[in-house]
Amino acid sequence: MTSEFDSETLLTRATQLIELAKAAGADQADAVVVRSRSKSVSVRLGKVEGTEASESDDFSLRVFVGNRVASVSANPGFDIKTLAERAVAMARVSPEDPYACLADERNLARHYPDLDLYDATEVPTDALRDAALDMEQAALDVDGVKNSSGAGASAGMGGLVLVTSHGFSGSYMATRFGRSVSVIAGEGTKMERDYDFDSRLFFADLDDPKDIGRRAGERVVKRVNPRQVPTGKDLTVVFDPRLARGFVGHIAGAINGASVARKTSFLRDKMGKQVLKSGLSITDDPMIVRGSSSRPFDGEGVSGKRLVMIEDGVLNHWFLSTSTGRELGLETNGRGARGGTSVGPSSTNLALEPGDVSPEDLIRGIGNGFYVTELIGQGVNMVTGEYSRGATGFWIENGELAYAVSEVTIASNLKDMFMRLTPANDIDRKFGVASPTIAIEGMTLAGQ
């Protein structure tokens, strides 16, 4: 990317904001600058549909006056003295928050590693266009593909600068390149749609556009002429890795300290107890070199370390920022993330660690069941754990994928699903949430 990340200028401006906030009466403060640059090209049926480019520098200032806190944000060109004074004035009339504070000084990162998150490769707009066109054409060349929903390619970068009033000053930047395509097979009311994509920090690591297109075409053709299946209970449902990543995201949401503090997680009373089958573990590691969600420090200036969130099925940790940790009587574990002007806990490079069986053998051992490739709807209640989603996929018969299935609903409770989960060994760690194929026993399927 050609847009330079001038961290020194931004650090200086953020430092000035802090100094002006303290001069206006703030006891503590932190300032964040988020810089983003991106461009993308979208095509459909061999023609360019859109070309976009965007740039932004977003400043935010958070100030503390006693136990009162306020945050303000602005774009470049603002008067920093006015912004600082406004933030302090807002804090003085805000309600008290006993948990709001900066990270403890002893937890601040004094030294942090270069995680190799930035690729200086400049990708011309023409190259983005050509990649999108190649993806789409490769998908359309698959026998049975009838139409395209479009393809796109993108390149972007994001940088973070953070300065606090108690001594932290740091910055890092990361790039992101992406390719995606969606196509249609079948005709009339029997049309089916599917897609494929890739997203990487480094341009050279991206899958070839033609491979992405071919995979999308092959996926959608397999879904043509789906059948319905009868309603059944105690069924084993297998989640494709793309959907398994979303399922692991439900686990992350349930062990997020903010949800626990709000009492909106069905696992809020499970610390130190069994939540997955014995032998299963979930890890979170912000320090992976070239990791999709790596960061040398979090949104509060704290360096996180690799944590085994769930080990041998037992819950060991919540995701914690400083304020969430204080509310729960715990200490931050470096999972604070900036969201606008606020800080809340989040995962980084999260992974359901793989099992020791191939996905083929996992399916073969099931006999009859359901392999899910797409989920529909938002029927997940994180307070109770109730789970009910529309689904499409393939019926498993005698240990093989037999035929496409649509218009069914799968249901259970996440507590039970977690305890009945079996992972395969096909994990792909290139995404921020990584999971192998997973099988979950004892689910209900509502069909005909």
Protein backbone atom coordinates (compact mmCIF):
# COMPACT_ATOMS: atom_id res chain seq x y z
CA MET A 1 0.00 0.00 0.00
CA THR A 2 1.38 3.36 -0.91
CA SER A 3 -0.36 5.34 1.87
CA GLU A 4 2.26 5.89 4.50
CA PHE A 5 1.45 5.46 8.15
CA ASP A 6 3.06 8.54 9.66
CA SER A 7 3.04 7.26 13.22
CA GLU A 8 5.32 9.96 14.61
CA THR A 9 3.03 12.80 13.52
CA LEU A 10 -0.02 10.99 14.87
CA LEU A 11 1.74 10.13 18.14
CA THR A 12 2.65 13.79 18.57
CA ARG A 13 -0.92 14.91 17.97
CA ALA A 14 -2.30 12.27 20.35
CA THR A 15 0.23 13.34 23.01
CA GLN A 16 -0.87 16.94 22.64
CA LEU A 17 -4.49 15.88 23.15
CA ILE A 18 -3.55 14.16 26.41
CA GLU A 19 -1.65 17.19 27.67
CA LEU A 20 -4.53 19.54 26.86
CA ALA A 21 -7.04 17.21 28.53
CA LYS A 22 -4.98 17.19 31.72
CA ALA A 23 -4.62 20.96 31.57
CA ALA A 24 -8.42 21.20 31.30
CA GLY A 25 -8.84 19.16 34.48
CA ALA A 26 -8.73 15.48 33.51
CA ASP A 27 -7.15 13.14 36.06
CA GLN A 28 -6.34 10.57 33.37
CA ALA A 29 -6.81 10.29 29.63
CA ASP A 30 -5.97 8.26 26.57
CA ALA A 31 -6.04 9.19 22.91
CA VAL A 32 -6.43 6.88 19.93
CA VAL A 33 -5.98 7.46 16.24
CA VAL A 34 -7.26 4.85 13.79
CA ARG A 35 -6.04 5.30 10.22
CA SER A 36 -7.57 3.27 7.40
CA ARG A 37 -6.97 3.15 3.66
CA SER A 38 -8.77 0.82 1.26
CA LYS A 39 -9.71 0.27 -2.36
CA SER A 40 -11.85 -2.36 -4.04
CA VAL A 41 -13.27 -3.39 -7.38
CA SER A 42 -16.49 -5.33 -7.94
CA VAL A 43 -17.54 -6.99 -11.19
CA ARG A 44 -20.52 -8.94 -12.51
CA LEU A 45 -20.86 -10.89 -15.73
CA GLY A 46 -17.57 -9.64 -17.06
CA LYS A 47 -18.17 -5.94 -16.41
CA VAL A 48 -16.94 -3.63 -13.69
CA GLU A 49 -19.83 -2.64 -11.43
CA GLY A 50 -17.97 -0.48 -8.97
CA THR A 51 -14.61 0.89 -7.95
CA GLU A 52 -14.22 2.34 -4.49
CA ALA A 53 -11.43 4.00 -2.52
CA SER A 54 -11.57 5.39 0.99
CA GLU A 55 -9.27 7.06 3.51
CA SER A 56 -9.95 8.09 7.07
CA ASP A 57 -8.17 9.22 10.21
CA ASP A 58 -10.41 8.94 13.26
CA PHE A 59 -9.30 10.56 16.51
CA SER A 60 -10.87 9.72 19.86
CA LEU A 61 -10.12 11.07 23.31
CA ARG A 62 -11.25 9.43 26.54
CA VAL A 63 -10.93 11.40 29.78
CA PHE A 64 -11.46 10.53 33.43
CA VAL A 65 -12.44 12.98 36.14
CA GLY A 66 -12.55 10.96 39.32
CA ASN A 67 -14.90 8.06 38.58
CA ARG A 68 -16.56 9.93 35.76
CA VAL A 69 -15.61 9.27 32.15
CA ALA A 70 -16.44 10.76 28.76
CA SER A 71 -15.25 10.16 25.23
CA VAL A 72 -15.29 12.32 22.12
CA SER A 73 -14.20 11.69 18.57
CA ALA A 74 -13.31 13.86 15.60
CA ASN A 75 -11.88 13.87 12.09
CA PRO A 76 -8.64 15.60 11.03
CA GLY A 77 -8.67 19.37 11.16
CA PHE A 78 -10.39 19.70 14.50
CA ASP A 79 -9.18 22.12 17.14
CA ILE A 80 -7.51 19.87 19.71
CA LYS A 81 -7.84 22.36 22.57
CA THR A 82 -11.59 22.65 22.05
CA LEU A 83 -11.93 18.88 21.80
CA ALA A 84 -10.04 18.31 25.05
CA GLU A 85 -12.03 20.93 26.93
CA ARG A 86 -15.32 19.53 25.63
CA ALA A 87 -14.38 16.02 26.75
CA VAL A 88 -13.53 17.15 30.28
CA ALA A 89 -16.73 19.19 30.51
CA MET A 90 -18.74 16.14 29.48
CA ALA A 91 -16.96 13.94 32.02
CA ARG A 92 -17.74 16.32 34.88
CA VAL A 93 -21.49 15.92 34.33
CA SER A 94 -21.43 12.21 33.51
CA PRO A 95 -22.68 9.60 36.00
CA GLU A 96 -19.99 7.88 38.05
CA ASP A 97 -18.66 4.59 36.78
CA PRO A 98 -16.77 2.70 39.51
CA TYR A 99 -15.10 0.40 36.99
CA ALA A 100 -13.95 2.84 34.31
CA CYS A 101 -10.21 3.51 34.33
CA LEU A 102 -7.01 3.20 32.38
CA ALA A 103 -5.07 -0.05 32.53
CA ASP A 104 -2.88 -0.40 35.60
CA GLU A 105 0.53 1.06 34.82
CA ARG A 106 2.32 -2.16 35.74
CA ASN A 107 0.37 -4.00 33.02
CA LEU A 108 1.38 -1.67 30.20
CA ALA A 109 3.53 -3.02 27.39
CA ARG A 110 7.00 -1.50 27.64
CA HIS A 111 8.38 -3.56 24.79
CA TYR A 112 6.39 -5.36 22.14
CA PRO A 113 7.36 -7.45 19.12
CA ASP A 114 7.09 -6.76 15.41
CA LEU A 115 4.47 -9.34 14.39
CA ASP A 116 5.01 -8.79 10.65
CA LEU A 117 1.47 -7.57 9.96
CA TYR A 118 2.23 -5.08 7.19
CA ASP A 119 2.77 -5.81 3.49
CA ALA A 120 3.98 -2.83 1.46
CA THR A 121 2.85 -4.41 -1.82
CA GLU A 122 1.00 -1.88 -3.96
CA VAL A 123 -1.81 -3.56 -5.87
CA PRO A 124 -2.98 -1.47 -8.84
CA THR A 125 -6.70 -1.08 -9.38
CA ASP A 126 -6.31 -2.88 -12.71
CA ALA A 127 -4.88 -5.90 -10.88
CA LEU A 128 -7.84 -5.96 -8.50
CA ARG A 129 -10.19 -5.81 -11.49
CA ASP A 130 -8.38 -8.62 -13.30
CA ALA A 131 -8.46 -10.85 -10.22
CA ALA A 132 -12.21 -10.30 -9.81
CA LEU A 133 -12.84 -11.04 -13.48
CA ASP A 134 -10.68 -14.20 -13.36
CA MET A 135 -12.53 -15.45 -10.28
CA GLU A 136 -15.92 -14.93 -11.82
CA GLN A 137 -14.97 -16.50 -15.14
CA ALA A 138 -13.45 -19.55 -13.44
CA ALA A 139 -16.70 -20.02 -11.51
CA LEU A 140 -18.86 -19.58 -14.63
CA ASP A 141 -16.71 -22.13 -16.45
CA VAL A 142 -17.80 -24.85 -14.01
CA ASP A 143 -20.40 -27.00 -15.74
CA GLY A 144 -23.82 -26.26 -14.27
CA VAL A 145 -23.18 -22.70 -13.11
CA LYS A 146 -25.84 -20.47 -14.69
CA ASN A 147 -25.25 -16.96 -13.39
CA SER A 148 -23.12 -14.73 -11.22
CA SER A 149 -23.92 -12.61 -8.20
CA GLY A 150 -20.60 -10.87 -8.67
CA ALA A 151 -16.96 -10.99 -7.63
CA GLY A 152 -14.70 -8.55 -5.88
CA ALA A 153 -11.11 -7.91 -4.87
CA SER A 154 -9.80 -5.47 -2.29
CA ALA A 155 -6.66 -4.12 -0.67
CA GLY A 156 -6.42 -2.07 2.49
CA MET A 157 -4.44 -1.12 5.55
CA GLY A 158 -5.24 0.00 9.05
CA GLY A 159 -3.05 1.65 11.67
CA LEU A 160 -3.55 2.24 15.38
CA VAL A 161 -1.88 4.86 17.54
CA LEU A 162 -2.44 4.87 21.30
CA VAL A 163 -1.13 7.33 23.89
CA THR A 164 -2.09 7.32 27.57
CA SER A 165 -1.53 9.87 30.32
CA HIS A 166 0.37 7.37 32.45
CA GLY A 167 3.18 6.56 30.08
CA PHE A 168 2.13 4.35 27.19
CA SER A 169 2.86 5.39 23.64
CA GLY A 170 2.73 2.96 20.75
CA SER A 171 1.53 2.22 17.24
CA TYR A 172 1.22 -0.60 14.76
CA MET A 173 -0.32 -1.18 11.35
CA ALA A 174 -1.64 -4.12 9.38
CA THR A 175 -2.66 -4.76 5.80
CA ARG A 176 -5.54 -6.85 4.46
CA PHE A 177 -6.15 -8.24 0.98
CA GLY A 178 -9.30 -10.06 -0.07
CA ARG A 179 -10.99 -11.87 -2.95
CA SER A 180 -14.54 -13.24 -3.14
CA VAL A 181 -17.06 -14.52 -5.67
CA SER A 182 -20.68 -15.68 -5.55
CA VAL A 183 -22.45 -17.65 -8.29
CA ILE A 184 -25.77 -19.34 -9.04
CA ALA A 185 -26.72 -22.77 -10.35
CA GLY A 186 -30.14 -24.19 -11.22
CA GLU A 187 -33.09 -22.36 -12.68
CA GLY A 188 -36.32 -20.69 -11.59
CA THR A 189 -37.43 -21.51 -8.05
CA LYS A 190 -34.72 -24.16 -7.83
CA MET A 191 -31.79 -21.77 -8.09
CA GLU A 192 -29.02 -22.19 -5.53
CA ARG A 193 -26.31 -19.74 -4.58
CA ASP A 194 -22.87 -20.32 -3.06
CA TYR A 195 -19.55 -18.52 -2.75
CA ASP A 196 -15.89 -18.75 -1.90
CA PHE A 197 -13.36 -16.21 -0.69
CA ASP A 198 -9.91 -15.64 0.74
CA SER A 199 -8.51 -12.95 3.02
CA ARG A 200 -4.87 -12.50 4.00
CA LEU A 201 -2.49 -9.98 5.55
CA PHE A 202 0.03 -10.52 2.77
CA PHE A 203 -0.91 -10.26 -0.88
CA ALA A 204 1.33 -13.13 -1.99
CA ASP A 205 -0.44 -15.49 0.42
CA LEU A 206 -3.83 -15.08 -1.27
CA ASP A 207 -5.30 -18.10 -3.06
CA ASP A 208 -5.20 -17.88 -6.84
CA PRO A 209 -8.33 -16.14 -8.21
CA LYS A 210 -9.11 -19.05 -10.54
CA ASP A 211 -8.93 -21.54 -7.66
CA ILE A 212 -11.35 -19.43 -5.61
CA GLY A 213 -13.74 -19.20 -8.57
CA ARG A 214 -13.56 -22.91 -9.33
CA ARG A 215 -14.29 -23.81 -5.70
CA ALA A 216 -17.31 -21.50 -5.64
CA GLY A 217 -18.65 -23.05 -8.84
CA GLU A 218 -18.14 -26.60 -7.60
CA ARG A 219 -19.83 -25.82 -4.29
CA VAL A 220 -22.96 -24.36 -5.86
CA VAL A 221 -23.39 -27.11 -8.47
CA LYS A 222 -23.47 -29.73 -5.72
CA ARG A 223 -26.41 -27.94 -4.11
CA VAL A 224 -28.72 -28.18 -7.15
CA ASN A 225 -31.98 -30.16 -6.80
CA PRO A 226 -32.04 -30.39 -3.00
CA ARG A 227 -34.46 -32.66 -1.20
CA GLN A 228 -36.29 -32.42 2.06
CA VAL A 229 -35.79 -34.96 4.79
CA PRO A 230 -38.12 -36.10 7.57
CA THR A 231 -38.04 -34.61 11.05
CA GLY A 232 -35.82 -36.49 13.44
CA LYS A 233 -34.22 -36.36 16.87
CA ASP A 234 -30.82 -37.44 18.22
CA LEU A 235 -29.22 -36.68 14.88
CA THR A 236 -25.51 -36.04 14.37
CA VAL A 237 -24.94 -32.77 12.53
CA VAL A 238 -21.58 -32.00 10.91
CA PHE A 239 -20.58 -28.37 10.45
CA ASP A 240 -18.45 -27.40 7.44
CA PRO A 241 -15.32 -25.49 8.64
CA ARG A 242 -16.75 -22.19 7.37
CA LEU A 243 -19.74 -22.63 9.68
CA ALA A 244 -17.70 -24.21 12.44
CA ARG A 245 -15.78 -20.95 12.74
CA GLY A 246 -19.06 -19.18 13.45
CA PHE A 247 -19.92 -21.81 16.02
CA VAL A 248 -16.61 -21.23 17.79
CA GLY A 249 -17.58 -17.56 17.75
CA HIS A 250 -20.59 -18.49 19.90
CA ILE A 251 -18.18 -20.00 22.43
CA ALA A 252 -16.13 -16.79 22.37
CA GLY A 253 -19.27 -14.74 22.99
CA ALA A 254 -20.26 -16.93 25.92
CA ILE A 255 -16.87 -16.49 27.63
CA ASN A 256 -16.60 -12.77 26.98
CA GLY A 257 -16.21 -11.02 30.32
CA ALA A 258 -18.58 -8.22 29.32
CA SER A 259 -21.39 -10.74 28.79
CA VAL A 260 -20.56 -12.42 32.08
CA ALA A 261 -20.63 -9.08 33.93
CA ARG A 262 -24.00 -8.24 32.35
CA LYS A 263 -25.26 -11.74 33.19
CA THR A 264 -26.15 -12.30 29.53
CA SER A 265 -24.02 -15.44 29.06
CA PHE A 266 -25.32 -18.93 29.71
CA LEU A 267 -21.79 -19.87 30.86
CA ARG A 268 -21.56 -17.10 33.47
CA ASP A 269 -21.42 -19.59 36.38
CA LYS A 270 -19.11 -22.12 34.70
CA MET A 271 -15.61 -20.85 35.52
CA GLY A 272 -13.44 -23.81 36.47
CA LYS A 273 -16.09 -26.26 35.31
CA GLN A 274 -16.49 -28.59 32.36
CA VAL A 275 -18.02 -26.84 29.32
CA LEU A 276 -16.61 -28.97 26.48
CA LYS A 277 -15.90 -32.67 26.24
CA SER A 278 -12.72 -33.84 27.94
CA GLY A 279 -9.74 -33.58 25.63
CA LEU A 280 -10.95 -30.46 23.83
CA SER A 281 -9.23 -27.08 24.12
CA ILE A 282 -9.75 -23.55 22.82
CA THR A 283 -6.76 -21.22 22.58
CA ASP A 284 -6.41 -17.49 21.98
CA ASP A 285 -3.09 -15.96 20.94
CA PRO A 286 -2.59 -12.31 19.94
CA MET A 287 1.15 -12.78 19.32
CA ILE A 288 1.14 -15.04 16.26
CA VAL A 289 3.47 -13.70 13.57
CA ARG A 290 1.34 -12.79 10.54
CA GLY A 291 -1.74 -13.87 12.47
CA SER A 292 -5.00 -12.59 11.04
CA SER A 293 -6.07 -10.99 14.33
CA SER A 294 -2.66 -10.46 15.94
CA ARG A 295 -1.82 -7.26 17.79
CA PRO A 296 1.33 -6.35 19.73
CA PHE A 297 -0.78 -4.58 22.38
CA ASP A 298 -4.48 -4.21 22.99
CA GLY A 299 -6.71 -1.14 22.95
CA GLU A 300 -5.43 -0.13 26.39
CA GLY A 301 -1.71 -0.64 25.80
CA VAL A 302 -1.52 -4.08 27.43
CA SER A 303 0.29 -6.96 25.71
CA GLY A 304 -1.68 -10.18 25.79
CA LYS A 305 -0.19 -13.62 25.83
CA ARG A 306 -1.37 -16.98 24.53
CA LEU A 307 -4.13 -18.32 26.74
CA VAL A 308 -5.76 -21.73 26.82
CA MET A 309 -9.25 -20.40 27.38
CA ILE A 310 -10.72 -23.88 27.71
CA GLU A 311 -8.35 -26.74 28.54
CA ASP A 312 -9.34 -30.40 28.49
CA GLY A 313 -12.92 -29.15 28.40
CA VAL A 314 -12.58 -26.96 31.51
CA LEU A 315 -13.15 -23.19 31.35
CA ASN A 316 -10.02 -21.33 32.50
CA HIS A 317 -10.46 -17.68 31.47
CA TRP A 318 -12.86 -14.97 30.42
CA PHE A 319 -11.84 -12.43 27.78
CA LEU A 320 -11.10 -9.35 29.88
CA SER A 321 -10.38 -5.67 29.44
CA THR A 322 -9.40 -3.56 32.46
CA SER A 323 -12.86 -2.25 33.35
CA THR A 324 -14.56 -5.61 32.76
CA GLY A 325 -11.92 -7.30 34.87
CA ARG A 326 -12.48 -4.84 37.70
CA GLU A 327 -16.22 -5.45 37.57
CA LEU A 328 -15.59 -9.18 37.93
CA GLY A 329 -12.88 -8.79 40.56
CA LEU A 330 -10.20 -9.90 38.10
CA GLU A 331 -7.32 -8.39 36.14
CA THR A 332 -7.21 -7.69 32.42
CA ASN A 333 -5.62 -10.36 30.24
CA GLY A 334 -4.84 -7.98 27.38
CA ARG A 335 -8.05 -8.54 25.42
CA GLY A 336 -9.31 -4.95 25.45
CA ALA A 337 -10.42 -3.81 22.01
CA ARG A 338 -11.39 -0.34 20.83
CA GLY A 339 -14.91 -0.03 19.50
CA GLY A 340 -15.54 3.58 18.59
CA THR A 341 -14.81 5.54 21.75
CA SER A 342 -15.22 2.59 24.12
CA VAL A 343 -13.09 -0.38 25.16
CA GLY A 344 -14.46 -3.89 25.55
CA PRO A 345 -12.99 -7.39 25.66
CA SER A 346 -12.65 -9.52 22.53
CA SER A 347 -10.81 -12.55 21.25
CA THR A 348 -7.74 -12.35 19.01
CA ASN A 349 -6.50 -15.43 17.10
CA LEU A 350 -9.04 -17.89 18.49
CA ALA A 351 -8.88 -21.59 17.70
CA LEU A 352 -10.77 -24.74 18.55
CA GLU A 353 -7.83 -27.10 18.59
CA PRO A 354 -8.19 -30.03 16.17
CA GLY A 355 -8.86 -33.66 16.91
CA ASP A 356 -7.02 -36.63 15.45
CA VAL A 357 -9.52 -37.90 12.86
CA SER A 358 -9.91 -36.75 9.27
CA PRO A 359 -13.22 -35.17 8.24
CA GLU A 360 -13.81 -38.09 5.89
CA ASP A 361 -13.39 -40.61 8.71
CA LEU A 362 -15.49 -38.45 11.02
CA ILE A 363 -18.36 -38.52 8.50
CA ARG A 364 -17.81 -42.20 7.75
CA GLY A 365 -18.20 -43.05 11.42
CA ILE A 366 -21.55 -41.27 11.67
CA GLY A 367 -23.49 -43.51 9.33
CA ASN A 368 -26.54 -41.31 8.77
CA GLY A 369 -26.65 -37.61 9.59
CA PHE A 370 -26.62 -34.07 8.18
CA TYR A 371 -23.67 -32.07 6.81
CA VAL A 372 -24.40 -28.32 7.05
CA THR A 373 -22.97 -25.88 4.53
CA GLU A 374 -25.16 -22.82 5.16
CA LEU A 375 -27.10 -21.46 8.14
CA ILE A 376 -30.01 -19.07 7.95
CA GLY A 377 -31.42 -16.74 10.58
CA GLN A 378 -30.20 -15.53 13.97
CA GLY A 379 -31.84 -18.04 16.28
CA VAL A 380 -29.19 -18.15 18.99
CA ASN A 381 -30.05 -16.99 22.51
CA MET A 382 -26.81 -16.31 24.40
CA VAL A 383 -28.66 -15.89 27.70
CA THR A 384 -30.27 -19.34 27.68
CA GLY A 385 -28.15 -21.12 25.08
CA GLU A 386 -31.17 -22.04 22.96
CA TYR A 387 -30.10 -22.70 19.36
CA SER A 388 -32.38 -22.94 16.31
CA ARG A 389 -31.20 -22.15 12.78
CA GLY A 390 -32.45 -22.76 9.27
CA ALA A 391 -29.95 -24.89 7.37
CA THR A 392 -28.99 -26.34 4.02
CA GLY A 393 -26.38 -28.94 3.24
CA PHE A 394 -26.09 -32.63 2.41
CA TRP A 395 -27.62 -35.77 3.84
CA ILE A 396 -25.08 -38.25 5.14
CA GLU A 397 -26.04 -41.82 4.26
CA ASN A 398 -23.92 -44.84 5.11
CA GLY A 399 -21.01 -42.52 5.94
CA GLU A 400 -21.05 -40.63 2.63
CA LEU A 401 -22.50 -37.33 1.41
CA ALA A 402 -25.51 -38.60 -0.54
CA TYR A 403 -27.66 -35.68 -1.77
CA ALA A 404 -28.35 -31.98 -1.23
CA VAL A 405 -30.85 -30.96 1.46
CA SER A 406 -32.63 -27.65 2.03
CA GLU A 407 -35.49 -26.09 4.01
CA VAL A 408 -34.72 -27.75 7.33
CA THR A 409 -34.12 -26.39 10.82
CA ILE A 410 -31.57 -27.72 13.29
CA ALA A 411 -32.02 -27.12 17.01
CA SER A 412 -30.53 -27.88 20.41
CA ASN A 413 -29.03 -25.98 23.34
CA LEU A 414 -25.47 -24.66 23.14
CA LYS A 415 -24.65 -26.15 26.56
CA ASP A 416 -25.48 -29.61 25.21
CA MET A 417 -23.87 -28.92 21.83
CA PHE A 418 -20.58 -27.94 23.48
CA MET A 419 -20.52 -31.20 25.45
CA ARG A 420 -21.30 -33.32 22.38
CA LEU A 421 -18.80 -31.72 20.00
CA THR A 422 -16.13 -33.75 18.17
CA PRO A 423 -13.52 -31.93 16.03
CA ALA A 424 -11.77 -33.32 12.97
CA ASN A 425 -8.12 -32.58 12.16
CA ASP A 426 -8.53 -30.19 9.19
CA ILE A 427 -8.02 -26.84 10.92
CA ASP A 428 -7.00 -23.84 8.79
CA ARG A 429 -5.42 -21.15 10.97
CA LYS A 430 -5.37 -18.35 8.38
CA PHE A 431 -8.50 -16.74 9.83
CA GLY A 432 -8.96 -14.89 13.11
CA VAL A 433 -11.30 -17.66 14.26
CA ALA A 434 -10.06 -21.11 13.31
CA SER A 435 -11.89 -24.40 13.53
CA PRO A 436 -11.77 -27.81 11.91
CA THR A 437 -14.87 -29.63 10.73
CA ILE A 438 -16.98 -30.46 13.79
CA ALA A 439 -19.66 -33.06 14.48
CA ILE A 440 -22.32 -32.50 17.14
CA GLU A 441 -24.45 -35.37 18.35
CA GLY A 442 -27.99 -35.32 19.66
CA MET A 443 -29.47 -32.46 17.62
CA THR A 444 -33.07 -32.17 16.40
CA LEU A 445 -33.80 -31.65 12.72
CA ALA A 446 -37.17 -30.28 11.64
CA GLY A 447 -37.92 -31.20 8.04
CA GLN A 448 -41.01 -32.62 6.35
